Amino acid sequence: MVNSMTTGIFIGRFQPFHNGHLAIIKQALSEVDKLIIVIGSQQEARTENNPLTADERELLIRETLKSLKMERFKIVKLADIPDDNKYAEYVRENTGDFSVVYCGENQLVKKLFQEAGYKVVSSERLNGWMATEIRKKIRNDENYDELVPEIVKELMKKMNLDKIINKT
């Protein structure tokens, strides 16, 4: 019997998780049977571009999806590797098989996985949803409510993640 279940992956840093990420996950789960969410740059934390730890990012994603009763996903955390040519295989070795890659606007991820023979679905940035912009708003003490799911905003305050981002 042939297994016809489709598995997709979605790779991101999720610094922090925002509505654009959520839109891609919703799209992916409407197209695949199972989605592997890959938290990249696992080793990075408390820096300007990567202020949150991998565990903090995982919690934001997991709690958001749980609050929306979304299932059929698993989360894998991966460190960066120095060789782009080995990246697609490195991801597959650490996630298991998949047939489609969701990548937002990340041109490098798109290129690497297309060259490795995978179907790649890229999405344009929607409504200015961009983690860099969210971090900037937090650092400038500006409102970012419309850019993140409600539960992310709540958790960011409860866990003082906005203060952590402000300090980095």
C-alpha atoms as a PDB file:
ATOM      1  CA  MET A   1       0.000   0.000   0.000  1.00  0.00           C
ATOM      2  CA  VAL A   2       1.354   3.406  -0.977  1.00  0.00           C
ATOM      3  CA  ASN A   3       1.253   6.156   1.635  1.00  0.00           C
ATOM      4  CA  SER A   4      -0.457   9.097  -0.036  1.00  0.00           C
ATOM      5  CA  MET A   5      -0.200  11.444   2.936  1.00  0.00           C
ATOM      6  CA  THR A   6       1.505  14.680   2.043  1.00  0.00           C
ATOM      7  CA  THR A   7       3.859  16.414   4.424  1.00  0.00           C
ATOM      8  CA  GLY A   8       5.004  19.975   4.115  1.00  0.00           C
ATOM      9  CA  ILE A   9       7.553  22.017   5.992  1.00  0.00           C
ATOM     10  CA  PHE A  10       7.578  25.682   6.885  1.00  0.00           C
ATOM     11  CA  ILE A  11      10.935  27.136   7.882  1.00  0.00           C
ATOM     12  CA  GLY A  12      11.266  30.401   9.769  1.00  0.00           C
ATOM     13  CA  ARG A  13      13.016  32.134  12.636  1.00  0.00           C
ATOM     14  CA  PHE A  14       9.718  33.376  14.110  1.00  0.00           C
ATOM     15  CA  GLN A  15      11.302  36.354  15.933  1.00  0.00           C
ATOM     16  CA  PRO A  16       8.435  36.728  16.980  1.00  0.00           C
ATOM     17  CA  PHE A  17       5.628  34.613  15.536  1.00  0.00           C
ATOM     18  CA  HIS A  18       3.200  36.908  13.671  1.00  0.00           C
ATOM     19  CA  ASN A  19       0.078  36.961  11.505  1.00  0.00           C
ATOM     20  CA  GLY A  20       2.063  36.414   8.293  1.00  0.00           C
ATOM     21  CA  HIS A  21       3.480  33.173   9.725  1.00  0.00           C
ATOM     22  CA  LEU A  22      -0.014  32.157  10.792  1.00  0.00           C
ATOM     23  CA  ALA A  23      -1.402  32.837   7.297  1.00  0.00           C
ATOM     24  CA  ILE A  24       1.246  30.572   5.745  1.00  0.00           C
ATOM     25  CA  ILE A  25       0.522  27.818   8.279  1.00  0.00           C
ATOM     26  CA  LYS A  26      -3.214  28.044   7.551  1.00  0.00           C
ATOM     27  CA  GLN A  27      -2.518  27.833   3.816  1.00  0.00           C
ATOM     28  CA  ALA A  28      -0.162  24.889   4.288  1.00  0.00           C
ATOM     29  CA  LEU A  29      -2.590  22.953   6.486  1.00  0.00           C
ATOM     30  CA  SER A  30      -5.282  23.410   3.834  1.00  0.00           C
ATOM     31  CA  GLU A  31      -2.947  21.767   1.276  1.00  0.00           C
ATOM     32  CA  VAL A  32      -1.040  19.054   3.171  1.00  0.00           C
ATOM     33  CA  ASP A  33      -1.942  16.312   5.621  1.00  0.00           C
ATOM     34  CA  LYS A  34       0.821  17.202   8.060  1.00  0.00           C
ATOM     35  CA  LEU A  35       3.032  20.266   8.527  1.00  0.00           C
ATOM     36  CA  ILE A  36       6.470  20.342  10.083  1.00  0.00           C
ATOM     37  CA  ILE A  37       7.245  23.807  11.410  1.00  0.00           C
ATOM     38  CA  VAL A  38      11.008  24.283  11.488  1.00  0.00           C
ATOM     39  CA  ILE A  39      12.312  26.879  13.908  1.00  0.00           C
ATOM     40  CA  GLY A  40      15.584  27.914  12.325  1.00  0.00           C
ATOM     41  CA  SER A  41      18.595  29.517  13.951  1.00  0.00           C
ATOM     42  CA  GLN A  42      17.910  27.516  17.104  1.00  0.00           C
ATOM     43  CA  GLN A  43      21.304  28.461  18.509  1.00  0.00           C
ATOM     44  CA  GLU A  44      20.594  32.198  18.279  1.00  0.00           C
ATOM     45  CA  ALA A  45      19.052  34.144  21.178  1.00  0.00           C
ATOM     46  CA  ARG A  46      19.250  37.499  22.917  1.00  0.00           C
ATOM     47  CA  THR A  47      20.709  39.282  19.890  1.00  0.00           C
ATOM     48  CA  GLU A  48      19.220  42.205  17.980  1.00  0.00           C
ATOM     49  CA  ASN A  49      17.886  40.066  15.114  1.00  0.00           C
ATOM     50  CA  ASN A  50      17.249  36.946  17.191  1.00  0.00           C
ATOM     51  CA  PRO A  51      16.111  38.117  20.626  1.00  0.00           C
ATOM     52  CA  LEU A  52      13.958  35.107  21.544  1.00  0.00           C
ATOM     53  CA  THR A  53      15.149  31.612  22.413  1.00  0.00           C
ATOM     54  CA  ALA A  54      14.012  28.638  20.363  1.00  0.00           C
ATOM     55  CA  ASP A  55      11.904  27.452  23.312  1.00  0.00           C
ATOM     56  CA  GLU A  56      10.188  30.848  23.586  1.00  0.00           C
ATOM     57  CA  ARG A  57       9.465  30.847  19.854  1.00  0.00           C
ATOM     58  CA  GLU A  58       8.120  27.298  20.041  1.00  0.00           C
ATOM     59  CA  LEU A  59       5.795  28.268  22.898  1.00  0.00           C
ATOM     60  CA  LEU A  60       4.388  31.238  20.938  1.00  0.00           C
ATOM     61  CA  ILE A  61       3.710  29.029  17.909  1.00  0.00           C
ATOM     62  CA  ARG A  62       2.310  26.074  19.859  1.00  0.00           C
ATOM     63  CA  GLU A  63      -0.009  28.213  22.018  1.00  0.00           C
ATOM     64  CA  THR A  64      -1.284  30.154  19.001  1.00  0.00           C
ATOM     65  CA  LEU A  65      -2.104  27.005  17.046  1.00  0.00           C
ATOM     66  CA  LYS A  66      -3.621  25.343  20.115  1.00  0.00           C
ATOM     67  CA  SER A  67      -5.847  28.401  20.741  1.00  0.00           C
ATOM     68  CA  LEU A  68      -7.096  28.120  17.146  1.00  0.00           C
ATOM     69  CA  LYS A  69      -7.638  24.360  17.502  1.00  0.00           C
ATOM     70  CA  MET A  70      -5.145  23.713  14.722  1.00  0.00           C
ATOM     71  CA  GLU A  71      -3.558  20.289  14.664  1.00  0.00           C
ATOM     72  CA  ARG A  72      -1.599  18.074  12.243  1.00  0.00           C
ATOM     73  CA  PHE A  73       1.704  19.823  12.885  1.00  0.00           C
ATOM     74  CA  LYS A  74       4.917  19.174  14.699  1.00  0.00           C
ATOM     75  CA  ILE A  75       7.670  21.595  15.586  1.00  0.00           C
ATOM     76  CA  VAL A  76      11.364  20.893  15.033  1.00  0.00           C
ATOM     77  CA  LYS A  77      14.157  23.237  16.119  1.00  0.00           C
ATOM     78  CA  LEU A  78      17.301  23.339  13.986  1.00  0.00           C
ATOM     79  CA  ALA A  79      20.596  25.153  14.306  1.00  0.00           C
ATOM     80  CA  ASP A  80      22.107  26.838  11.268  1.00  0.00           C
ATOM     81  CA  ILE A  81      24.807  25.027   9.323  1.00  0.00           C
ATOM     82  CA  PRO A  82      27.661  26.705   7.452  1.00  0.00           C
ATOM     83  CA  ASP A  83      27.088  24.968   4.073  1.00  0.00           C
ATOM     84  CA  ASP A  84      24.070  26.128   2.051  1.00  0.00           C
ATOM     85  CA  ASN A  85      24.608  23.265  -0.422  1.00  0.00           C
ATOM     86  CA  LYS A  86      23.896  20.734   2.346  1.00  0.00           C
ATOM     87  CA  TYR A  87      20.994  22.608   3.943  1.00  0.00           C
ATOM     88  CA  ALA A  88      18.043  20.855   2.240  1.00  0.00           C
ATOM     89  CA  GLU A  89      19.470  17.429   3.077  1.00  0.00           C
ATOM     90  CA  TYR A  90      20.255  18.557   6.650  1.00  0.00           C
ATOM     91  CA  VAL A  91      16.636  19.641   7.101  1.00  0.00           C
ATOM     92  CA  ARG A  92      15.307  16.353   5.664  1.00  0.00           C
ATOM     93  CA  GLU A  93      17.628  14.323   7.914  1.00  0.00           C
ATOM     94  CA  ASN A  94      16.269  16.159  10.954  1.00  0.00           C
ATOM     95  CA  THR A  95      12.578  16.324  10.040  1.00  0.00           C
ATOM     96  CA  GLY A  96      11.880  13.192   8.024  1.00  0.00           C
ATOM     97  CA  ASP A  97      10.473  13.139   4.520  1.00  0.00           C
ATOM     98  CA  PHE A  98       8.374  15.955   3.105  1.00  0.00           C
ATOM     99  CA  SER A  99       7.188  16.849  -0.364  1.00  0.00           C
ATOM    100  CA  VAL A 100       6.512  20.585  -0.268  1.00  0.00           C
ATOM    101  CA  VAL A 101       8.309  23.546   1.300  1.00  0.00           C
ATOM    102  CA  TYR A 102       6.533  26.729   2.410  1.00  0.00           C
ATOM    103  CA  CYS A 103       8.912  29.630   2.702  1.00  0.00           C
ATOM    104  CA  GLY A 104       7.273  33.029   2.666  1.00  0.00           C
ATOM    105  CA  GLU A 105       9.579  35.423   0.806  1.00  0.00           C
ATOM    106  CA  ASN A 106      12.881  33.827   1.805  1.00  0.00           C
ATOM    107  CA  GLN A 107      14.669  33.637  -1.543  1.00  0.00           C
ATOM    108  CA  LEU A 108      17.589  31.568  -0.228  1.00  0.00           C
ATOM    109  CA  VAL A 109      15.312  28.874   1.218  1.00  0.00           C
ATOM    110  CA  LYS A 110      13.320  28.881  -2.032  1.00  0.00           C
ATOM    111  CA  LYS A 111      16.469  28.483  -4.143  1.00  0.00           C
ATOM    112  CA  LEU A 112      18.060  25.776  -1.978  1.00  0.00           C
ATOM    113  CA  PHE A 113      14.974  23.576  -1.868  1.00  0.00           C
ATOM    114  CA  GLN A 114      14.095  24.058  -5.545  1.00  0.00           C
ATOM    115  CA  GLU A 115      17.640  23.043  -6.465  1.00  0.00           C
ATOM    116  CA  ALA A 116      17.206  19.954  -4.255  1.00  0.00           C
ATOM    117  CA  GLY A 117      14.107  19.022  -6.277  1.00  0.00           C
ATOM    118  CA  TYR A 118      11.343  20.027  -3.861  1.00  0.00           C
ATOM    119  CA  LYS A 119       8.119  21.812  -4.706  1.00  0.00           C
ATOM    120  CA  VAL A 120       8.343  25.257  -3.092  1.00  0.00           C
ATOM    121  CA  VAL A 121       5.390  27.478  -2.264  1.00  0.00           C
ATOM    122  CA  SER A 122       6.416  31.043  -1.529  1.00  0.00           C
ATOM    123  CA  SER A 123       4.091  33.758  -0.311  1.00  0.00           C
ATOM    124  CA  GLU A 124       4.368  37.488  -0.636  1.00  0.00           C
ATOM    125  CA  ARG A 125       4.545  39.494   2.557  1.00  0.00           C
ATOM    126  CA  LEU A 126       1.035  40.447   3.609  1.00  0.00           C
ATOM    127  CA  ASN A 127      -0.051  43.650   5.337  1.00  0.00           C
ATOM    128  CA  GLY A 128       3.449  44.561   6.444  1.00  0.00           C
ATOM    129  CA  TRP A 129       3.648  41.483   8.651  1.00  0.00           C
ATOM    130  CA  MET A 130       7.346  41.252   9.219  1.00  0.00           C
ATOM    131  CA  ALA A 131       9.188  40.267  12.392  1.00  0.00           C
ATOM    132  CA  THR A 132      11.787  42.994  11.828  1.00  0.00           C
ATOM    133  CA  GLU A 133       9.019  45.595  11.815  1.00  0.00           C
ATOM    134  CA  ILE A 134       7.440  44.121  14.948  1.00  0.00           C
ATOM    135  CA  ARG A 135      10.758  44.197  16.819  1.00  0.00           C
ATOM    136  CA  LYS A 136      11.221  47.804  15.691  1.00  0.00           C
ATOM    137  CA  LYS A 137       7.749  48.753  16.956  1.00  0.00           C
ATOM    138  CA  ILE A 138       8.445  47.068  20.309  1.00  0.00           C
ATOM    139  CA  ARG A 139      11.759  48.894  20.636  1.00  0.00           C
ATOM    140  CA  ASN A 140      10.044  52.202  19.807  1.00  0.00           C
ATOM    141  CA  ASP A 141       7.219  51.455  22.258  1.00  0.00           C
ATOM    142  CA  GLU A 142       4.707  51.469  19.390  1.00  0.00           C
ATOM    143  CA  ASN A 143       1.556  49.401  19.086  1.00  0.00           C
ATOM    144  CA  TYR A 144       2.030  46.093  17.246  1.00  0.00           C
ATOM    145  CA  ASP A 145      -1.304  44.448  18.173  1.00  0.00           C
ATOM    146  CA  GLU A 146      -2.530  44.166  14.583  1.00  0.00           C
ATOM    147  CA  LEU A 147       0.618  42.312  13.499  1.00  0.00           C
ATOM    148  CA  VAL A 148       0.474  39.325  15.873  1.00  0.00           C
ATOM    149  CA  PRO A 149      -2.185  36.854  17.000  1.00  0.00           C
ATOM    150  CA  GLU A 150      -3.892  37.918  20.239  1.00  0.00           C
ATOM    151  CA  ILE A 151      -2.341  35.080  22.232  1.00  0.00           C
ATOM    152  CA  VAL A 152       1.155  36.092  21.098  1.00  0.00           C
ATOM    153  CA  LYS A 153       0.570  39.616  22.372  1.00  0.00           C
ATOM    154  CA  GLU A 154      -0.663  38.212  25.707  1.00  0.00           C
ATOM    155  CA  LEU A 155       2.276  35.829  26.075  1.00  0.00           C
ATOM    156  CA  MET A 156       4.796  38.487  25.064  1.00  0.00           C
ATOM    157  CA  LYS A 157       3.558  40.664  27.949  1.00  0.00           C
ATOM    158  CA  LYS A 158       3.153  37.814  30.454  1.00  0.00           C
ATOM    159  CA  MET A 159       6.630  36.397  29.771  1.00  0.00           C
ATOM    160  CA  ASN A 160       8.272  39.840  29.451  1.00  0.00           C
ATOM    161  CA  LEU A 161       9.393  38.970  25.917  1.00  0.00           C
ATOM    162  CA  ASP A 162       8.678  42.518  24.782  1.00  0.00           C
ATOM    163  CA  LYS A 163      11.119  43.733  27.460  1.00  0.00           C
ATOM    164  CA  ILE A 164      13.693  41.189  26.258  1.00  0.00           C
ATOM    165  CA  ILE A 165      13.306  42.425  22.699  1.00  0.00           C
ATOM    166  CA  ASN A 166      13.625  46.000  23.940  1.00  0.00           C
ATOM    167  CA  LYS A 167      16.975  45.229  25.601  1.00  0.00           C
ATOM    168  CA  THR A 168      18.565  43.503  22.601  1.00  0.00           C
END
